[in-house]
Amino acid sequence: MKLNSFEKFSWFVLVFNLAVILWGAFVRASKSGAGCGSHWPLCNGAIVPTASQTQTLVEFAHRLTSGAAFLLVIAMAVWAWRAFPAGHRVRAGAGASIGGMIAETLAGAGLVLFNWVADDISFGRVIIMPTHLVITFYLLAALTLTAWWASFDYRSGFADRSGDGAAIQTRDSSTDAQGARAWMLGIGLIATLVMGMAGAVTALGDTVLPVASLTPGSYEKLSPAGRALVEMRVWHPLIAVGVAIYLWFVVNFIRAARRDYFVTRFSTALIVLFLIELGAGVVNVYLHAPIWMQLLHLLLANLTWILLILLSAATLARDESTK
């Protein structure tokens, strides 16, 4: 399949934002969030900081790349408005992407301005981290759907751009069957979101309360926020296993009902990637969450989310194409 210029650009914007998200996680894991002090959007009161400390460079680099990501999303939205007619879903996806970028920017600014960075273990930070994760997943979903709808718009007659002539074969495309699949996928998306929120809290705990720092009796001395960080280390793996079992059931249900090029490949990739993510989580716990492993685990989580979005879009779009 050959992509046109906008399609290539929209996928590039998604990949670039994914890289920026990972760098943001490195800022948190390396405790570099205070590298620019409590100043935002300035860094230590200056447009370009003069300090050469590693934490300042890491934080400033994140701000630069975040700004570049924002400009790329704006460019994609302008291009979408010029290339697609009014009411087209690509326009909606691009608009949603801008909304996601604005929310991401505000969340990042809040972390700095309220000093929810470095070793802070406040209740506010424990709340903002999973909230930030929700915003990030929303942004990734909007960017993914924008690129997908631009590349595979079934309503415009591109029902087969798989490259191998794969036909649409649907055993049951009734309204009831479509609704059942939509509900199952919706629950899967919410469950994955909850798992990600738990993971965000766990990752924060790995940063500010590493396992090595906890001694017998230290738990009782922690604040309620600190205790929540420790307790989430137990709940996050349990939630992940539960979500894995549910998604396994959903994927097999959809695959049994539909013989489809994209649904088959996305569902297979989703299960394989989720199993790898679970394995990475086990390794992360065993190694006491080194930074490189935290970043790998987050990358796998983000890719799993993107694949789930693609599977949902492909499944429901195929239903539309049979009407």
C-alpha atoms as a PDB file:
ATOM      1  CA  MET A   1       0.000   0.000   0.000  1.00  0.00           C
ATOM      2  CA  LYS A   2       1.287   3.445  -0.971  1.00  0.00           C
ATOM      3  CA  LEU A   3       0.564   6.374   1.335  1.00  0.00           C
ATOM      4  CA  ASN A   4       0.181   9.941   0.129  1.00  0.00           C
ATOM      5  CA  SER A   5       1.980  12.900   1.686  1.00  0.00           C
ATOM      6  CA  PHE A   6      -0.630  13.721   4.328  1.00  0.00           C
ATOM      7  CA  GLU A   7      -0.944  10.101   5.387  1.00  0.00           C
ATOM      8  CA  LYS A   8       2.822   9.799   5.842  1.00  0.00           C
ATOM      9  CA  PHE A   9       2.906  13.068   7.771  1.00  0.00           C
ATOM     10  CA  SER A  10       0.072  12.058  10.103  1.00  0.00           C
ATOM     11  CA  TRP A  11       1.817   8.786  10.983  1.00  0.00           C
ATOM     12  CA  PHE A  12       5.074  10.699  11.516  1.00  0.00           C
ATOM     13  CA  VAL A  13       3.321  13.084  13.916  1.00  0.00           C
ATOM     14  CA  LEU A  14       2.099  10.086  15.911  1.00  0.00           C
ATOM     15  CA  VAL A  15       5.591   8.573  16.122  1.00  0.00           C
ATOM     16  CA  PHE A  16       7.148  11.926  17.067  1.00  0.00           C
ATOM     17  CA  ASN A  17       4.651  12.442  19.880  1.00  0.00           C
ATOM     18  CA  LEU A  18       5.314   8.924  21.108  1.00  0.00           C
ATOM     19  CA  ALA A  19       9.017   9.800  21.366  1.00  0.00           C
ATOM     20  CA  VAL A  20       8.193  13.012  23.249  1.00  0.00           C
ATOM     21  CA  ILE A  21       6.038  11.047  25.691  1.00  0.00           C
ATOM     22  CA  LEU A  22       8.902   8.661  26.394  1.00  0.00           C
ATOM     23  CA  TRP A  23      11.264  11.582  26.977  1.00  0.00           C
ATOM     24  CA  GLY A  24       8.742  13.022  29.408  1.00  0.00           C
ATOM     25  CA  ALA A  25       8.833   9.738  31.302  1.00  0.00           C
ATOM     26  CA  PHE A  26      12.623   9.991  31.397  1.00  0.00           C
ATOM     27  CA  VAL A  27      12.264  13.473  32.907  1.00  0.00           C
ATOM     28  CA  ARG A  28      10.142  11.995  35.697  1.00  0.00           C
ATOM     29  CA  ALA A  29      12.280   8.874  36.228  1.00  0.00           C
ATOM     30  CA  SER A  30      15.539  10.856  36.314  1.00  0.00           C
ATOM     31  CA  LYS A  31      13.991  13.430  38.675  1.00  0.00           C
ATOM     32  CA  SER A  32      14.744  16.214  36.200  1.00  0.00           C
ATOM     33  CA  GLY A  33      11.319  17.839  36.399  1.00  0.00           C
ATOM     34  CA  ALA A  34      12.700  20.598  38.631  1.00  0.00           C
ATOM     35  CA  GLY A  35      15.496  21.350  36.174  1.00  0.00           C
ATOM     36  CA  CYS A  36      13.896  24.666  35.200  1.00  0.00           C
ATOM     37  CA  GLY A  37      12.796  25.517  38.716  1.00  0.00           C
ATOM     38  CA  SER A  38       9.161  26.447  39.236  1.00  0.00           C
ATOM     39  CA  HIS A  39       9.151  28.571  36.086  1.00  0.00           C
ATOM     40  CA  TRP A  40       6.904  27.893  33.097  1.00  0.00           C
ATOM     41  CA  PRO A  41       7.040  28.452  30.176  1.00  0.00           C
ATOM     42  CA  LEU A  42      10.394  30.067  30.960  1.00  0.00           C
ATOM     43  CA  CYS A  43      13.251  27.914  32.236  1.00  0.00           C
ATOM     44  CA  ASN A  44      14.806  29.327  35.399  1.00  0.00           C
ATOM     45  CA  GLY A  45      13.398  32.707  34.413  1.00  0.00           C
ATOM     46  CA  ALA A  46      15.001  32.715  30.953  1.00  0.00           C
ATOM     47  CA  ILE A  47      13.895  31.754  27.464  1.00  0.00           C
ATOM     48  CA  VAL A  48      17.128  29.807  26.987  1.00  0.00           C
ATOM     49  CA  PRO A  49      18.698  28.627  30.271  1.00  0.00           C
ATOM     50  CA  THR A  50      22.373  29.253  30.871  1.00  0.00           C
ATOM     51  CA  ALA A  51      22.778  26.551  33.505  1.00  0.00           C
ATOM     52  CA  SER A  52      24.531  23.415  32.296  1.00  0.00           C
ATOM     53  CA  GLN A  53      23.259  20.988  34.934  1.00  0.00           C
ATOM     54  CA  THR A  54      22.053  17.708  33.501  1.00  0.00           C
ATOM     55  CA  GLN A  55      18.584  18.073  35.015  1.00  0.00           C
ATOM     56  CA  THR A  56      18.144  21.495  33.410  1.00  0.00           C
ATOM     57  CA  LEU A  57      19.220  20.209  30.003  1.00  0.00           C
ATOM     58  CA  VAL A  58      16.902  17.204  30.249  1.00  0.00           C
ATOM     59  CA  GLU A  59      13.883  19.309  31.246  1.00  0.00           C
ATOM     60  CA  PHE A  60      14.597  22.030  28.676  1.00  0.00           C
ATOM     61  CA  ALA A  61      15.014  19.440  25.922  1.00  0.00           C
ATOM     62  CA  HIS A  62      11.615  18.032  26.846  1.00  0.00           C
ATOM     63  CA  ARG A  63      10.044  21.467  26.596  1.00  0.00           C
ATOM     64  CA  LEU A  64      11.617  22.056  23.185  1.00  0.00           C
ATOM     65  CA  THR A  65      10.464  18.728  21.784  1.00  0.00           C
ATOM     66  CA  SER A  66       7.010  19.213  23.304  1.00  0.00           C
ATOM     67  CA  GLY A  67       6.785  22.580  21.564  1.00  0.00           C
ATOM     68  CA  ALA A  68       7.854  20.980  18.294  1.00  0.00           C
ATOM     69  CA  ALA A  69       5.200  18.293  18.762  1.00  0.00           C
ATOM     70  CA  PHE A  70       2.551  20.974  19.294  1.00  0.00           C
ATOM     71  CA  LEU A  71       3.583  22.746  16.081  1.00  0.00           C
ATOM     72  CA  LEU A  72       3.467  19.466  14.160  1.00  0.00           C
ATOM     73  CA  VAL A  73      -0.064  18.765  15.392  1.00  0.00           C
ATOM     74  CA  ILE A  74      -1.163  22.282  14.406  1.00  0.00           C
ATOM     75  CA  ALA A  75       0.386  21.795  10.958  1.00  0.00           C
ATOM     76  CA  MET A  76      -1.410  18.461  10.609  1.00  0.00           C
ATOM     77  CA  ALA A  77      -4.723  20.065  11.574  1.00  0.00           C
ATOM     78  CA  VAL A  78      -4.327  22.919   9.084  1.00  0.00           C
ATOM     79  CA  TRP A  79      -3.415  20.427   6.369  1.00  0.00           C
ATOM     80  CA  ALA A  80      -6.417  18.270   7.264  1.00  0.00           C
ATOM     81  CA  TRP A  81      -8.759  21.256   7.029  1.00  0.00           C
ATOM     82  CA  ARG A  82      -7.406  22.067   3.561  1.00  0.00           C
ATOM     83  CA  ALA A  83      -7.280  18.496   2.250  1.00  0.00           C
ATOM     84  CA  PHE A  84     -10.577  17.058   3.531  1.00  0.00           C
ATOM     85  CA  PRO A  85     -14.168  18.303   3.178  1.00  0.00           C
ATOM     86  CA  ALA A  86     -16.305  19.658   6.000  1.00  0.00           C
ATOM     87  CA  GLY A  87     -17.617  16.923   8.268  1.00  0.00           C
ATOM     88  CA  HIS A  88     -14.854  14.456   7.388  1.00  0.00           C
ATOM     89  CA  ARG A  89     -13.655  12.401  10.322  1.00  0.00           C
ATOM     90  CA  VAL A  90     -10.002  13.268   9.621  1.00  0.00           C
ATOM     91  CA  ARG A  91     -10.842  16.870  10.446  1.00  0.00           C
ATOM     92  CA  ALA A  92     -12.471  15.712  13.675  1.00  0.00           C
ATOM     93  CA  GLY A  93      -9.434  13.620  14.568  1.00  0.00           C
ATOM     94  CA  ALA A  94      -7.064  16.504  13.895  1.00  0.00           C
ATOM     95  CA  GLY A  95      -9.189  18.842  16.007  1.00  0.00           C
ATOM     96  CA  ALA A  96      -9.254  16.310  18.833  1.00  0.00           C
ATOM     97  CA  SER A  97      -5.464  16.052  18.562  1.00  0.00           C
ATOM     98  CA  ILE A  98      -5.109  19.791  19.127  1.00  0.00           C
ATOM     99  CA  GLY A  99      -7.360  19.494  22.166  1.00  0.00           C
ATOM    100  CA  GLY A 100      -5.152  16.694  23.465  1.00  0.00           C
ATOM    101  CA  MET A 101      -2.017  18.769  22.980  1.00  0.00           C
ATOM    102  CA  ILE A 102      -3.531  21.702  24.870  1.00  0.00           C
ATOM    103  CA  ALA A 103      -4.477  19.407  27.755  1.00  0.00           C
ATOM    104  CA  GLU A 104      -0.996  17.841  27.759  1.00  0.00           C
ATOM    105  CA  THR A 105       0.590  21.290  27.883  1.00  0.00           C
ATOM    106  CA  LEU A 106      -1.591  22.380  30.797  1.00  0.00           C
ATOM    107  CA  ALA A 107      -0.855  19.162  32.696  1.00  0.00           C
ATOM    108  CA  GLY A 108       2.887  19.605  32.184  1.00  0.00           C
ATOM    109  CA  ALA A 109       2.699  23.231  33.274  1.00  0.00           C
ATOM    110  CA  GLY A 110       0.757  22.225  36.382  1.00  0.00           C
ATOM    111  CA  LEU A 111       3.419  19.721  37.395  1.00  0.00           C
ATOM    112  CA  VAL A 112       6.062  22.457  37.285  1.00  0.00           C
ATOM    113  CA  LEU A 113       4.089  25.347  38.766  1.00  0.00           C
ATOM    114  CA  PHE A 114       2.814  23.280  41.712  1.00  0.00           C
ATOM    115  CA  ASN A 115       6.250  21.701  42.238  1.00  0.00           C
ATOM    116  CA  TRP A 116       4.882  18.195  41.649  1.00  0.00           C
ATOM    117  CA  VAL A 117       8.297  17.067  40.455  1.00  0.00           C
ATOM    118  CA  ALA A 118      11.487  15.343  41.609  1.00  0.00           C
ATOM    119  CA  ASP A 119      10.955  13.750  45.059  1.00  0.00           C
ATOM    120  CA  ASP A 120       7.572  15.311  45.806  1.00  0.00           C
ATOM    121  CA  ILE A 121       5.120  12.830  47.383  1.00  0.00           C
ATOM    122  CA  SER A 122       2.041  15.016  47.674  1.00  0.00           C
ATOM    123  CA  PHE A 123      -1.558  13.984  47.198  1.00  0.00           C
ATOM    124  CA  GLY A 124      -1.790  16.375  44.259  1.00  0.00           C
ATOM    125  CA  ARG A 125       1.000  14.613  42.413  1.00  0.00           C
ATOM    126  CA  VAL A 126      -0.524  11.201  43.052  1.00  0.00           C
ATOM    127  CA  ILE A 127      -3.719  12.503  41.429  1.00  0.00           C
ATOM    128  CA  ILE A 128      -2.133  14.380  38.512  1.00  0.00           C
ATOM    129  CA  MET A 129       0.007  11.457  37.321  1.00  0.00           C
ATOM    130  CA  PRO A 130      -2.867   9.118  36.358  1.00  0.00           C
ATOM    131  CA  THR A 131      -4.751  12.155  35.033  1.00  0.00           C
ATOM    132  CA  HIS A 132      -1.751  12.952  32.864  1.00  0.00           C
ATOM    133  CA  LEU A 133      -1.791   9.351  31.636  1.00  0.00           C
ATOM    134  CA  VAL A 134      -5.452   9.671  30.613  1.00  0.00           C
ATOM    135  CA  ILE A 135      -4.645  12.832  28.659  1.00  0.00           C
ATOM    136  CA  THR A 136      -1.684  11.122  26.997  1.00  0.00           C
ATOM    137  CA  PHE A 137      -3.785   8.131  25.962  1.00  0.00           C
ATOM    138  CA  TYR A 138      -6.459  10.502  24.644  1.00  0.00           C
ATOM    139  CA  LEU A 139      -3.847  12.297  22.544  1.00  0.00           C
ATOM    140  CA  LEU A 140      -2.424   9.040  21.202  1.00  0.00           C
ATOM    141  CA  ALA A 141      -5.930   7.842  20.353  1.00  0.00           C
ATOM    142  CA  ALA A 142      -6.739  11.069  18.494  1.00  0.00           C
ATOM    143  CA  LEU A 143      -3.470  11.001  16.545  1.00  0.00           C
ATOM    144  CA  THR A 144      -3.853   7.312  15.746  1.00  0.00           C
ATOM    145  CA  LEU A 145      -7.411   7.723  14.487  1.00  0.00           C
ATOM    146  CA  THR A 146      -6.454  10.753  12.407  1.00  0.00           C
ATOM    147  CA  ALA A 147      -3.719   8.793  10.652  1.00  0.00           C
ATOM    148  CA  TRP A 148      -5.914   5.699  10.301  1.00  0.00           C
ATOM    149  CA  TRP A 149      -8.922   7.565   8.903  1.00  0.00           C
ATOM    150  CA  ALA A 150      -6.689   9.417   6.455  1.00  0.00           C
ATOM    151  CA  SER A 151      -5.056   6.202   5.266  1.00  0.00           C
ATOM    152  CA  PHE A 152      -8.068   3.865   5.309  1.00  0.00           C
ATOM    153  CA  ASP A 153     -11.285   5.802   4.793  1.00  0.00           C
ATOM    154  CA  TYR A 154     -13.742   3.054   3.921  1.00  0.00           C
ATOM    155  CA  ARG A 155     -16.602   5.480   3.408  1.00  0.00           C
ATOM    156  CA  SER A 156     -14.661   7.092   0.538  1.00  0.00           C
ATOM    157  CA  GLY A 157     -14.306   3.856  -1.347  1.00  0.00           C
ATOM    158  CA  PHE A 158     -10.954   2.639  -0.045  1.00  0.00           C
ATOM    159  CA  ALA A 159     -12.370  -0.497   1.528  1.00  0.00           C
ATOM    160  CA  ASP A 160      -9.342  -2.535   0.555  1.00  0.00           C
ATOM    161  CA  ARG A 161      -5.938  -0.894   0.781  1.00  0.00           C
ATOM    162  CA  SER A 162      -4.264  -3.826   2.428  1.00  0.00           C
ATOM    163  CA  GLY A 163      -2.184  -4.500  -0.651  1.00  0.00           C
ATOM    164  CA  ASP A 164      -3.085  -8.145  -1.069  1.00  0.00           C
ATOM    165  CA  GLY A 165      -6.669  -7.882  -2.256  1.00  0.00           C
ATOM    166  CA  ALA A 166      -8.003  -9.275   1.012  1.00  0.00           C
ATOM    167  CA  ALA A 167     -11.765  -9.354   0.900  1.00  0.00           C
ATOM    168  CA  ILE A 168     -14.176  -8.389   3.625  1.00  0.00           C
ATOM    169  CA  GLN A 169     -15.748 -11.498   5.054  1.00  0.00           C
ATOM    170  CA  THR A 170     -18.186 -10.854   7.872  1.00  0.00           C
ATOM    171  CA  ARG A 171     -20.224 -13.645   9.386  1.00  0.00           C
ATOM    172  CA  ASP A 172     -22.517 -11.322  11.299  1.00  0.00           C
ATOM    173  CA  SER A 173     -22.776  -7.613  10.495  1.00  0.00           C
ATOM    174  CA  SER A 174     -26.185  -7.052  12.082  1.00  0.00           C
ATOM    175  CA  THR A 175     -26.820  -4.043  14.277  1.00  0.00           C
ATOM    176  CA  ASP A 176     -26.928  -6.234  17.389  1.00  0.00           C
ATOM    177  CA  ALA A 177     -23.591  -7.871  16.535  1.00  0.00           C
ATOM    178  CA  GLN A 178     -22.013  -4.492  15.833  1.00  0.00           C
ATOM    179  CA  GLY A 179     -23.311  -3.152  19.125  1.00  0.00           C
ATOM    180  CA  ALA A 180     -21.945  -6.146  21.023  1.00  0.00           C
ATOM    181  CA  ARG A 181     -18.498  -5.692  19.519  1.00  0.00           C
ATOM    182  CA  ALA A 182     -18.582  -1.962  20.228  1.00  0.00           C
ATOM    183  CA  TRP A 183     -19.470  -2.570  23.887  1.00  0.00           C
ATOM    184  CA  MET A 184     -16.776  -5.222  24.283  1.00  0.00           C
ATOM    185  CA  LEU A 185     -14.123  -3.012  22.725  1.00  0.00           C
ATOM    186  CA  GLY A 186     -15.290  -0.017  24.753  1.00  0.00           C
ATOM    187  CA  ILE A 187     -14.949  -1.962  27.988  1.00  0.00           C
ATOM    188  CA  GLY A 188     -11.521  -3.131  26.838  1.00  0.00           C
ATOM    189  CA  LEU A 189     -10.444   0.458  26.200  1.00  0.00           C
ATOM    190  CA  ILE A 190     -11.651   1.582  29.631  1.00  0.00           C
ATOM    191  CA  ALA A 191      -9.968  -1.392  31.320  1.00  0.00           C
ATOM    192  CA  THR A 192      -6.704  -0.657  29.518  1.00  0.00           C
ATOM    193  CA  LEU A 193      -6.998   2.975  30.557  1.00  0.00           C
ATOM    194  CA  VAL A 194      -7.456   1.975  34.203  1.00  0.00           C
ATOM    195  CA  MET A 195      -4.452  -0.331  33.926  1.00  0.00           C
ATOM    196  CA  GLY A 196      -2.404   2.546  32.525  1.00  0.00           C
ATOM    197  CA  MET A 197      -3.496   4.858  35.333  1.00  0.00           C
ATOM    198  CA  ALA A 198      -2.419   2.264  37.886  1.00  0.00           C
ATOM    199  CA  GLY A 199       0.870   1.939  36.032  1.00  0.00           C
ATOM    200  CA  ALA A 200       1.426   5.698  36.166  1.00  0.00           C
ATOM    201  CA  VAL A 201       1.004   5.688  39.947  1.00  0.00           C
ATOM    202  CA  THR A 202       3.282   2.652  40.247  1.00  0.00           C
ATOM    203  CA  ALA A 203       5.952   4.335  38.124  1.00  0.00           C
ATOM    204  CA  LEU A 204       5.795   7.409  40.345  1.00  0.00           C
ATOM    205  CA  GLY A 205       6.284   5.174  43.366  1.00  0.00           C
ATOM    206  CA  ASP A 206       9.311   3.567  41.725  1.00  0.00           C
ATOM    207  CA  THR A 207      10.787   7.054  41.325  1.00  0.00           C
ATOM    208  CA  VAL A 208      10.134   8.650  44.713  1.00  0.00           C
ATOM    209  CA  LEU A 209       9.918   5.511  46.866  1.00  0.00           C
ATOM    210  CA  PRO A 210      12.198   2.904  45.304  1.00  0.00           C
ATOM    211  CA  VAL A 211      12.022  -0.561  46.801  1.00  0.00           C
ATOM    212  CA  ALA A 212      15.552  -0.263  48.188  1.00  0.00           C
ATOM    213  CA  SER A 213      14.522   2.773  50.256  1.00  0.00           C
ATOM    214  CA  LEU A 214      11.782   0.923  52.117  1.00  0.00           C
ATOM    215  CA  THR A 215      12.727  -0.763  55.368  1.00  0.00           C
ATOM    216  CA  PRO A 216      10.644  -2.755  57.873  1.00  0.00           C
ATOM    217  CA  GLY A 217       8.370  -0.313  59.633  1.00  0.00           C
ATOM    218  CA  SER A 218       8.855   2.505  57.127  1.00  0.00           C
ATOM    219  CA  TYR A 219       5.420   1.947  55.571  1.00  0.00           C
ATOM    220  CA  GLU A 220       3.666   3.092  58.749  1.00  0.00           C
ATOM    221  CA  LYS A 221       5.626   6.348  58.661  1.00  0.00           C
ATOM    222  CA  LEU A 222       4.524   7.236  55.134  1.00  0.00           C
ATOM    223  CA  SER A 223       1.851   9.791  54.328  1.00  0.00           C
ATOM    224  CA  PRO A 224      -1.451   8.542  52.860  1.00  0.00           C
ATOM    225  CA  ALA A 225      -0.161   9.503  49.414  1.00  0.00           C
ATOM    226  CA  GLY A 226       3.045   7.550  49.991  1.00  0.00           C
ATOM    227  CA  ARG A 227       1.108   4.504  51.125  1.00  0.00           C
ATOM    228  CA  ALA A 228      -1.020   4.674  47.985  1.00  0.00           C
ATOM    229  CA  LEU A 229       2.143   4.584  45.881  1.00  0.00           C
ATOM    230  CA  VAL A 230       3.404   1.485  47.673  1.00  0.00           C
ATOM    231  CA  GLU A 231       0.059  -0.321  47.613  1.00  0.00           C
ATOM    232  CA  MET A 232      -0.345   0.234  43.875  1.00  0.00           C
ATOM    233  CA  ARG A 233       2.670  -2.030  43.313  1.00  0.00           C
ATOM    234  CA  VAL A 234       0.383  -4.881  44.321  1.00  0.00           C
ATOM    235  CA  TRP A 235      -2.737  -3.749  42.480  1.00  0.00           C
ATOM    236  CA  HIS A 236      -1.144  -2.843  39.143  1.00  0.00           C
ATOM    237  CA  PRO A 237       0.012  -6.396  38.245  1.00  0.00           C
ATOM    238  CA  LEU A 238      -3.355  -7.830  39.280  1.00  0.00           C
ATOM    239  CA  ILE A 239      -5.198  -5.320  37.116  1.00  0.00           C
ATOM    240  CA  ALA A 240      -2.851  -6.062  34.200  1.00  0.00           C
ATOM    241  CA  VAL A 241      -3.524  -9.797  34.384  1.00  0.00           C
ATOM    242  CA  GLY A 242      -7.268  -9.192  34.536  1.00  0.00           C
ATOM    243  CA  VAL A 243      -7.144  -6.890  31.504  1.00  0.00           C
ATOM    244  CA  ALA A 244      -5.030  -9.417  29.600  1.00  0.00           C
ATOM    245  CA  ILE A 245      -7.591 -12.168  30.197  1.00  0.00           C
ATOM    246  CA  TYR A 246     -10.453  -9.925  29.116  1.00  0.00           C
ATOM    247  CA  LEU A 247      -8.702  -8.730  25.949  1.00  0.00           C
ATOM    248  CA  TRP A 248      -7.823 -12.316  25.058  1.00  0.00           C
ATOM    249  CA  PHE A 249     -11.516 -13.161  25.219  1.00  0.00           C
ATOM    250  CA  VAL A 250     -12.544 -10.089  23.187  1.00  0.00           C
ATOM    251  CA  VAL A 251      -9.924 -10.618  20.494  1.00  0.00           C
ATOM    252  CA  ASN A 252     -10.876 -14.247  19.995  1.00  0.00           C
ATOM    253  CA  PHE A 253     -14.573 -13.344  19.890  1.00  0.00           C
ATOM    254  CA  ILE A 254     -13.964 -10.737  17.183  1.00  0.00           C
ATOM    255  CA  ARG A 255     -11.643 -12.963  15.164  1.00  0.00           C
ATOM    256  CA  ALA A 256     -14.213 -15.769  15.205  1.00  0.00           C
ATOM    257  CA  ALA A 257     -16.933 -13.456  13.888  1.00  0.00           C
ATOM    258  CA  ARG A 258     -14.880 -11.602  11.294  1.00  0.00           C
ATOM    259  CA  ARG A 259     -12.400 -12.644   8.621  1.00  0.00           C
ATOM    260  CA  ASP A 260     -10.651  -9.396   7.884  1.00  0.00           C
ATOM    261  CA  TYR A 261      -7.120  -8.417   6.859  1.00  0.00           C
ATOM    262  CA  PHE A 262      -6.621  -5.633   9.385  1.00  0.00           C
ATOM    263  CA  VAL A 263      -8.680  -7.118  12.210  1.00  0.00           C
ATOM    264  CA  THR A 264      -6.691 -10.349  12.004  1.00  0.00           C
ATOM    265  CA  ARG A 265      -3.326  -8.621  12.022  1.00  0.00           C
ATOM    266  CA  PHE A 266      -4.144  -6.029  14.654  1.00  0.00           C
ATOM    267  CA  SER A 267      -5.659  -8.625  16.978  1.00  0.00           C
ATOM    268  CA  THR A 268      -2.669 -10.949  16.627  1.00  0.00           C
ATOM    269  CA  ALA A 269      -0.211  -8.103  17.178  1.00  0.00           C
ATOM    270  CA  LEU A 270      -2.207  -6.886  20.187  1.00  0.00           C
ATOM    271  CA  ILE A 271      -2.105 -10.228  21.982  1.00  0.00           C
ATOM    272  CA  VAL A 272       1.591 -10.764  21.245  1.00  0.00           C
ATOM    273  CA  LEU A 273       2.498  -7.243  22.351  1.00  0.00           C
ATOM    274  CA  PHE A 274       0.385  -7.483  25.505  1.00  0.00           C
ATOM    275  CA  LEU A 275       2.129 -10.711  26.498  1.00  0.00           C
ATOM    276  CA  ILE A 276       5.497  -9.031  25.918  1.00  0.00           C
ATOM    277  CA  GLU A 277       4.328  -6.088  28.017  1.00  0.00           C
ATOM    278  CA  LEU A 278       3.348  -8.413  30.864  1.00  0.00           C
ATOM    279  CA  GLY A 279       6.765 -10.056  30.658  1.00  0.00           C
ATOM    280  CA  ALA A 280       8.443  -6.654  30.707  1.00  0.00           C
ATOM    281  CA  GLY A 281       6.431  -5.786  33.801  1.00  0.00           C
ATOM    282  CA  VAL A 282       7.711  -8.882  35.571  1.00  0.00           C
ATOM    283  CA  VAL A 283      11.286  -8.017  34.621  1.00  0.00           C
ATOM    284  CA  ASN A 284      10.730  -4.431  35.736  1.00  0.00           C
ATOM    285  CA  VAL A 285       9.643  -5.606  39.188  1.00  0.00           C
ATOM    286  CA  TYR A 286      12.495  -8.113  39.429  1.00  0.00           C
ATOM    287  CA  LEU A 287      15.114  -5.470  38.546  1.00  0.00           C
ATOM    288  CA  HIS A 288      13.508  -2.897  40.886  1.00  0.00           C
ATOM    289  CA  ALA A 289      12.467  -0.625  38.005  1.00  0.00           C
ATOM    290  CA  PRO A 290      15.659   0.756  36.444  1.00  0.00           C
ATOM    291  CA  ILE A 291      15.004   3.786  34.241  1.00  0.00           C
ATOM    292  CA  TRP A 292      15.640   1.989  30.948  1.00  0.00           C
ATOM    293  CA  MET A 293      13.173  -0.724  31.905  1.00  0.00           C
ATOM    294  CA  GLN A 294      10.559   1.830  32.928  1.00  0.00           C
ATOM    295  CA  LEU A 295      10.851   3.464  29.507  1.00  0.00           C
ATOM    296  CA  LEU A 296      10.613   0.135  27.697  1.00  0.00           C
ATOM    297  CA  HIS A 297       7.566  -0.830  29.750  1.00  0.00           C
ATOM    298  CA  LEU A 298       5.910   2.509  28.954  1.00  0.00           C
ATOM    299  CA  LEU A 299       6.704   2.153  25.253  1.00  0.00           C
ATOM    300  CA  LEU A 300       5.053  -1.261  25.187  1.00  0.00           C
ATOM    301  CA  ALA A 301       2.032   0.111  27.064  1.00  0.00           C
ATOM    302  CA  ASN A 302       1.643   2.959  24.578  1.00  0.00           C
ATOM    303  CA  LEU A 303       1.990   0.632  21.592  1.00  0.00           C
ATOM    304  CA  THR A 304      -0.577  -1.715  23.126  1.00  0.00           C
ATOM    305  CA  TRP A 305      -2.989   1.191  23.490  1.00  0.00           C
ATOM    306  CA  ILE A 306      -2.394   2.280  19.885  1.00  0.00           C
ATOM    307  CA  LEU A 307      -3.008  -1.252  18.625  1.00  0.00           C
ATOM    308  CA  LEU A 308      -6.222  -1.493  20.630  1.00  0.00           C
ATOM    309  CA  ILE A 309      -7.383   1.793  19.087  1.00  0.00           C
ATOM    310  CA  LEU A 310      -6.537   0.492  15.606  1.00  0.00           C
ATOM    311  CA  LEU A 311      -8.303  -2.813  16.245  1.00  0.00           C
ATOM    312  CA  SER A 312     -11.398  -0.965  17.440  1.00  0.00           C
ATOM    313  CA  ALA A 313     -11.366   1.396  14.457  1.00  0.00           C
ATOM    314  CA  ALA A 314     -10.853  -1.420  11.959  1.00  0.00           C
ATOM    315  CA  THR A 315     -13.568  -3.595  13.476  1.00  0.00           C
ATOM    316  CA  LEU A 316     -16.217  -0.881  13.674  1.00  0.00           C
ATOM    317  CA  ALA A 317     -15.280   0.655  10.310  1.00  0.00           C
ATOM    318  CA  ARG A 318     -15.732  -2.715   8.650  1.00  0.00           C
ATOM    319  CA  ASP A 319     -19.182  -2.878  10.162  1.00  0.00           C
ATOM    320  CA  GLU A 320     -19.971   0.488   8.586  1.00  0.00           C
ATOM    321  CA  SER A 321     -18.754  -0.705   5.204  1.00  0.00           C
ATOM    322  CA  THR A 322     -21.293  -3.517   5.151  1.00  0.00           C
ATOM    323  CA  LYS A 323     -24.326  -1.278   5.649  1.00  0.00           C
END
